[in-house]
Amino acid sequence: MSVLANKIDFLALVTVEKANPNGDPLNGNRPREDFEGFGEISDVCLKRKIRNRLQDLGAEIFVQSDENCIDGEKSLSDRADHYPPLKDALKNKNKDAYAKAACEKWLDVRSFGQVFAFKGDSVSVGVRGPVSLHTAVSVDPVDIYSMQITKSVNSETKDKKSSDTMGMKHRVDFGLYIVKGSINTQLAEKTGFSDEDAVLIKEALRTLFVNDMSSARPDGSMEVRQLYWWQHNCPSGQYSAAKVHRSVTVERKDPEKQPTCFEDYDVTYDKLDGLNVEIMEGC
């Protein structure tokens, strides 16, 4: 595999319809929003979804969620301890060998980086990854709808009534979110992130919400509508990531009408000289 030679920038347009894209545990699990009412999806949430998709695509992942755990390990510490090259590097207190072995084994480590600092270990190791993601932000402020939910049967035999209040569910009726990110070649060289790895990241982004259904996000309620993928012709990039991301503009077709679907927006791309872009429909 060849280490990534040229910088990559990417941008995805994501629609949310009657779903909770990323609940805030400090606010009753309401969809995240900023002080001006614009919806947000944290970079941590996006990385979790990318990891899940990479697993679906056959990649080995270090930070596996409980519901997607495929190796039976109950913690990150156990997963690291049961990989012999890491155990040997830890015994020799060789941080470089530890980081190298972890990057070779797990795609998410060589993509996003990882801090290996576990209770009882004499050495902690930090890996910086080349793939960076912004917090996704909605194009317009989002309307959040809340409903009270009840249970239809008793939880305990001693309960006197069969229906009682359980709590609240929250959703965004409609929102168009913009996901931005980049892949840095200098850090790719350090972790061994390759061109083949970049192809997997691209496919994970294109299919980000496949197998991501839950009661908060019914199947089909979140969708990648477009993915822009820029491959520069040099390691540092022909343009800054900010300028590349600004080349895509999203505006309401009717400023007076509240958008209710993706077709209510005009999406335009101003091509940058000498920079090729691949524009894909999501899945």
Protein backbone atom coordinates (compact mmCIF):
# COMPACT_ATOMS: atom_id res chain seq x y z
CA MET A 1 0.00 0.00 0.00
CA SER A 2 1.27 3.48 -0.89
CA VAL A 3 1.17 6.20 1.77
CA LEU A 4 -1.14 9.08 0.84
CA ALA A 5 0.90 11.49 -1.29
CA ASN A 6 -1.49 14.40 -1.88
CA LYS A 7 -3.85 16.28 0.40
CA ILE A 8 -7.58 15.54 0.33
CA ASP A 9 -10.53 17.74 1.31
CA PHE A 10 -14.14 16.60 1.46
CA LEU A 11 -17.62 17.96 2.11
CA ALA A 12 -20.93 16.13 2.50
CA LEU A 13 -24.50 17.43 2.44
CA VAL A 14 -26.69 15.48 4.88
CA THR A 15 -30.46 15.69 5.28
CA VAL A 16 -32.37 14.88 8.46
CA GLU A 17 -36.12 14.23 8.39
CA LYS A 18 -38.02 13.61 11.63
CA ALA A 19 -34.99 12.22 13.43
CA ASN A 20 -32.55 13.11 16.20
CA PRO A 21 -29.17 13.35 14.46
CA ASN A 22 -27.11 13.79 17.64
CA GLY A 23 -28.70 14.08 21.08
CA ASP A 24 -27.12 16.23 23.79
CA PRO A 25 -26.94 14.23 27.06
CA LEU A 26 -26.64 17.47 29.05
CA ASN A 27 -29.93 18.75 27.61
CA GLY A 28 -32.33 15.82 27.93
CA ASN A 29 -30.99 14.25 24.71
CA ARG A 30 -32.47 17.07 22.60
CA PRO A 31 -30.82 17.46 19.18
CA ARG A 32 -27.72 19.59 19.50
CA GLU A 33 -28.05 23.23 18.49
CA ASP A 34 -26.01 26.39 18.95
CA PHE A 35 -27.21 29.59 20.60
CA GLU A 36 -28.69 30.81 17.32
CA GLY A 37 -30.73 27.65 16.76
CA PHE A 38 -28.55 26.05 14.09
CA GLY A 39 -28.38 22.27 14.40
CA GLU A 40 -25.08 20.55 15.15
CA ILE A 41 -23.63 17.05 14.85
CA SER A 42 -20.39 16.62 16.79
CA ASP A 43 -17.22 15.37 15.13
CA VAL A 44 -17.15 12.54 17.71
CA CYS A 45 -20.60 11.38 16.57
CA LEU A 46 -19.50 11.48 12.92
CA LYS A 47 -16.33 9.49 13.65
CA ARG A 48 -18.41 6.84 15.44
CA LYS A 49 -20.58 6.43 12.34
CA ILE A 50 -17.52 6.30 10.08
CA ARG A 51 -15.96 3.62 12.29
CA ASN A 52 -19.15 1.55 12.09
CA ARG A 53 -19.20 1.81 8.30
CA LEU A 54 -15.51 0.93 8.05
CA GLN A 55 -16.24 -2.19 10.08
CA ASP A 56 -19.06 -3.05 7.67
CA LEU A 57 -16.55 -2.64 4.84
CA GLY A 58 -14.22 -5.18 6.43
CA ALA A 59 -11.67 -2.91 8.11
CA GLU A 60 -10.21 -3.67 11.54
CA ILE A 61 -11.32 -1.07 14.09
CA PHE A 62 -9.89 -0.40 17.56
CA VAL A 63 -12.70 1.73 19.05
CA GLN A 64 -15.60 -0.66 18.51
CA SER A 65 -19.01 0.20 19.95
CA ASP A 66 -20.62 -2.40 22.23
CA GLU A 67 -23.31 -3.27 19.70
CA ASN A 68 -20.71 -3.65 16.92
CA CYS A 69 -18.05 -5.51 18.93
CA ILE A 70 -16.87 -8.46 16.84
CA ASP A 71 -13.85 -9.72 18.79
CA GLY A 72 -15.42 -10.28 22.21
CA GLU A 73 -13.17 -7.76 23.99
CA LYS A 74 -14.93 -5.87 26.77
CA SER A 75 -12.73 -2.74 26.77
CA LEU A 76 -10.10 -0.87 24.80
CA SER A 77 -7.55 -1.93 27.39
CA ASP A 78 -8.36 -5.62 26.83
CA ARG A 79 -8.17 -5.17 23.06
CA ALA A 80 -4.74 -3.59 23.32
CA ASP A 81 -3.45 -6.10 25.91
CA HIS A 82 -4.47 -9.07 23.77
CA TYR A 83 -2.56 -7.87 20.70
CA PRO A 84 0.97 -9.33 21.12
CA PRO A 85 2.96 -6.60 19.26
CA LEU A 86 1.52 -3.95 21.61
CA LYS A 87 2.25 -6.08 24.65
CA ASP A 88 5.87 -6.54 23.55
CA ALA A 89 6.34 -2.84 22.83
CA LEU A 90 4.84 -1.95 26.22
CA LYS A 91 7.18 -4.36 27.99
CA ASN A 92 10.15 -2.70 26.27
CA LYS A 93 8.69 0.79 26.87
CA ASN A 94 9.09 1.49 23.16
CA LYS A 95 6.49 4.14 22.29
CA ASP A 96 7.40 4.30 18.61
CA ALA A 97 7.04 0.54 18.15
CA TYR A 98 3.73 0.64 20.06
CA ALA A 99 2.31 3.40 17.85
CA LYS A 100 3.57 1.72 14.67
CA ALA A 101 2.01 -1.63 15.57
CA ALA A 102 -1.33 -0.01 16.48
CA CYS A 103 -1.44 1.94 13.21
CA GLU A 104 -0.64 -1.15 11.17
CA LYS A 105 -3.40 -3.14 12.89
CA TRP A 106 -6.35 -0.71 13.13
CA LEU A 107 -7.61 1.63 10.41
CA ASP A 108 -9.32 4.04 12.82
CA VAL A 109 -6.05 4.53 14.72
CA ARG A 110 -4.10 5.44 11.59
CA SER A 111 -7.02 7.61 10.42
CA PHE A 112 -8.18 9.53 13.51
CA GLY A 113 -5.37 8.85 15.96
CA GLN A 114 -5.76 7.45 19.48
CA VAL A 115 -4.50 7.94 23.02
CA PHE A 116 -3.37 4.68 24.62
CA ALA A 117 -3.33 5.43 28.34
CA PHE A 118 -4.71 2.60 30.46
CA LYS A 119 -4.72 2.03 34.20
CA GLY A 120 -1.63 0.11 35.33
CA ASP A 121 0.39 0.70 32.15
CA SER A 122 3.79 2.27 32.67
CA VAL A 123 3.73 3.94 29.25
CA SER A 124 1.09 6.11 27.56
CA VAL A 125 1.16 6.55 23.79
CA GLY A 126 -0.51 9.23 21.69
CA VAL A 127 -1.08 8.93 17.95
CA ARG A 128 -2.18 11.92 15.84
CA GLY A 129 -4.29 10.93 12.86
CA PRO A 130 -4.46 12.63 9.44
CA VAL A 131 -8.27 12.63 9.07
CA SER A 132 -9.92 15.66 10.68
CA LEU A 133 -13.63 16.50 10.81
CA HIS A 134 -15.51 19.68 11.68
CA THR A 135 -18.67 19.74 13.74
CA ALA A 136 -21.47 19.53 11.17
CA VAL A 137 -23.78 22.57 11.19
CA SER A 138 -27.19 23.02 9.57
CA VAL A 139 -27.65 25.53 6.77
CA ASP A 140 -30.67 27.08 8.54
CA PRO A 141 -31.89 27.06 12.14
CA VAL A 142 -33.74 23.83 12.89
CA ASP A 143 -37.19 23.32 14.41
CA ILE A 144 -37.07 20.78 17.24
CA TYR A 145 -40.30 18.92 18.02
CA SER A 146 -40.71 17.19 21.39
CA MET A 147 -43.26 14.57 22.39
CA GLN A 148 -44.01 12.81 25.64
CA ILE A 149 -43.94 9.01 25.50
CA THR A 150 -45.63 6.45 27.76
CA LYS A 151 -45.27 2.75 28.51
CA SER A 152 -48.17 0.42 27.70
CA VAL A 153 -47.40 -2.32 30.26
CA ASN A 154 -46.22 -2.44 33.86
CA SER A 155 -42.49 -2.53 34.44
CA GLU A 156 -42.98 -4.18 37.84
CA THR A 157 -45.74 -6.47 39.17
CA LYS A 158 -46.46 -4.06 42.01
CA ASP A 159 -47.23 -1.22 39.60
CA LYS A 160 -50.86 -0.20 39.98
CA LYS A 161 -51.44 1.16 36.49
CA SER A 162 -50.51 -0.19 33.10
CA SER A 163 -49.69 3.11 31.43
CA ASP A 164 -47.35 5.76 32.74
CA THR A 165 -45.11 8.55 31.50
CA MET A 166 -41.64 7.40 30.51
CA GLY A 167 -40.05 10.61 29.26
CA MET A 168 -39.58 12.71 26.15
CA LYS A 169 -38.50 12.09 22.56
CA HIS A 170 -37.11 14.88 20.43
CA ARG A 171 -36.56 15.21 16.71
CA VAL A 172 -35.60 17.64 13.98
CA ASP A 173 -38.46 17.86 11.50
CA PHE A 174 -36.10 18.80 8.66
CA GLY A 175 -32.53 20.01 8.44
CA LEU A 176 -29.73 20.16 5.89
CA TYR A 177 -26.32 19.76 7.54
CA ILE A 178 -22.86 20.34 6.07
CA VAL A 179 -20.04 17.94 7.02
CA LYS A 180 -16.49 19.18 6.31
CA GLY A 181 -13.14 17.48 6.65
CA SER A 182 -9.60 17.03 5.37
CA ILE A 183 -6.82 14.43 5.20
CA ASN A 184 -3.30 15.67 5.97
CA THR A 185 -0.35 14.05 4.17
CA GLN A 186 2.27 14.85 6.83
CA LEU A 187 0.32 12.95 9.49
CA ALA A 188 -0.60 10.24 6.96
CA GLU A 189 3.10 9.54 6.51
CA LYS A 190 3.55 9.12 10.27
CA THR A 191 0.63 6.70 10.70
CA GLY A 192 0.96 4.88 7.37
CA PHE A 193 -2.45 6.07 6.13
CA SER A 194 -2.62 4.99 2.48
CA ASP A 195 -4.45 5.77 -0.75
CA GLU A 196 -6.42 2.56 -0.19
CA ASP A 197 -7.43 3.80 3.26
CA ALA A 198 -8.65 7.06 1.71
CA VAL A 199 -10.88 5.09 -0.66
CA LEU A 200 -12.46 3.32 2.33
CA ILE A 201 -13.00 6.63 4.15
CA LYS A 202 -14.68 8.03 1.02
CA GLU A 203 -17.03 5.06 0.77
CA ALA A 204 -17.80 5.25 4.49
CA LEU A 205 -18.77 8.91 4.10
CA ARG A 206 -20.87 8.23 1.01
CA THR A 207 -22.82 5.50 2.85
CA LEU A 208 -22.61 7.09 6.31
CA PHE A 209 -26.11 6.19 7.50
CA VAL A 210 -26.39 2.66 6.16
CA ASN A 211 -27.09 0.30 9.11
CA ASP A 212 -27.37 3.31 11.44
CA MET A 213 -31.06 3.02 12.26
CA SER A 214 -32.41 3.38 15.80
CA SER A 215 -35.58 4.60 17.52
CA ALA A 216 -34.13 8.12 17.37
CA ARG A 217 -33.08 7.73 13.72
CA PRO A 218 -35.53 5.53 11.78
CA ASP A 219 -34.10 3.88 8.69
CA GLY A 220 -34.01 6.41 5.84
CA SER A 221 -34.48 9.46 8.05
CA MET A 222 -30.86 10.56 7.57
CA GLU A 223 -29.19 10.56 4.18
CA VAL A 224 -26.01 11.76 2.49
CA ARG A 225 -27.31 13.66 -0.52
CA GLN A 226 -24.01 14.74 -2.07
CA LEU A 227 -20.35 14.08 -1.33
CA TYR A 228 -17.59 16.35 -2.71
CA TRP A 229 -14.10 14.82 -2.73
CA TRP A 230 -11.11 16.97 -3.73
CA GLN A 231 -7.72 15.33 -4.45
CA HIS A 232 -4.99 17.99 -4.61
CA ASN A 233 -1.91 17.57 -6.80
CA CYS A 234 0.65 18.23 -4.05
CA PRO A 235 1.18 17.21 -0.39
CA SER A 236 0.30 20.60 1.13
CA GLY A 237 -2.67 21.26 -1.16
CA GLN A 238 -3.18 23.78 -3.94
CA TYR A 239 -5.67 25.77 -1.86
CA SER A 240 -6.48 26.04 1.83
CA ALA A 241 -9.18 23.72 3.17
CA ALA A 242 -11.30 26.77 4.07
CA LYS A 243 -11.23 28.04 0.48
CA VAL A 244 -12.02 24.59 -0.90
CA HIS A 245 -15.00 24.16 1.42
CA ARG A 246 -16.27 27.65 0.57
CA SER A 247 -16.41 26.70 -3.11
CA VAL A 248 -19.69 24.88 -2.33
CA THR A 249 -22.56 27.23 -1.49
CA VAL A 250 -26.03 26.24 -0.34
CA GLU A 251 -28.93 28.72 -0.43
CA ARG A 252 -32.70 28.60 -0.13
CA LYS A 253 -34.53 28.77 -3.43
CA ASP A 254 -37.26 30.82 -1.74
CA PRO A 255 -35.95 32.92 1.17
CA GLU A 256 -39.51 33.37 2.48
CA LYS A 257 -40.32 29.66 2.61
CA GLN A 258 -39.21 27.34 5.40
CA PRO A 259 -37.33 24.47 3.71
CA THR A 260 -38.89 21.04 4.12
CA CYS A 261 -36.75 18.99 1.71
CA PHE A 262 -33.38 18.98 -0.05
CA GLU A 263 -34.99 20.23 -3.28
CA ASP A 264 -35.83 23.53 -1.53
CA TYR A 265 -32.14 24.46 -1.76
CA ASP A 266 -29.85 25.53 -4.59
CA VAL A 267 -26.40 23.95 -4.35
CA THR A 268 -23.67 25.54 -6.48
CA TYR A 269 -20.01 24.66 -6.90
CA ASP A 270 -17.45 27.26 -8.04
CA LYS A 271 -14.63 25.23 -9.59
CA LEU A 272 -11.13 26.14 -8.43
CA ASP A 273 -8.49 26.29 -11.18
CA GLY A 274 -6.44 23.12 -11.42
CA LEU A 275 -8.24 21.32 -8.61
CA ASN A 276 -10.23 18.23 -9.56
CA VAL A 277 -13.37 17.29 -7.68
CA GLU A 278 -15.39 14.08 -7.59
CA ILE A 279 -19.07 14.69 -6.87
CA MET A 280 -21.04 11.64 -5.77
CA GLU A 281 -24.59 10.91 -4.76
CA GLY A 282 -24.89 9.47 -1.29
CA CYS A 283 -26.54 6.23 -0.29
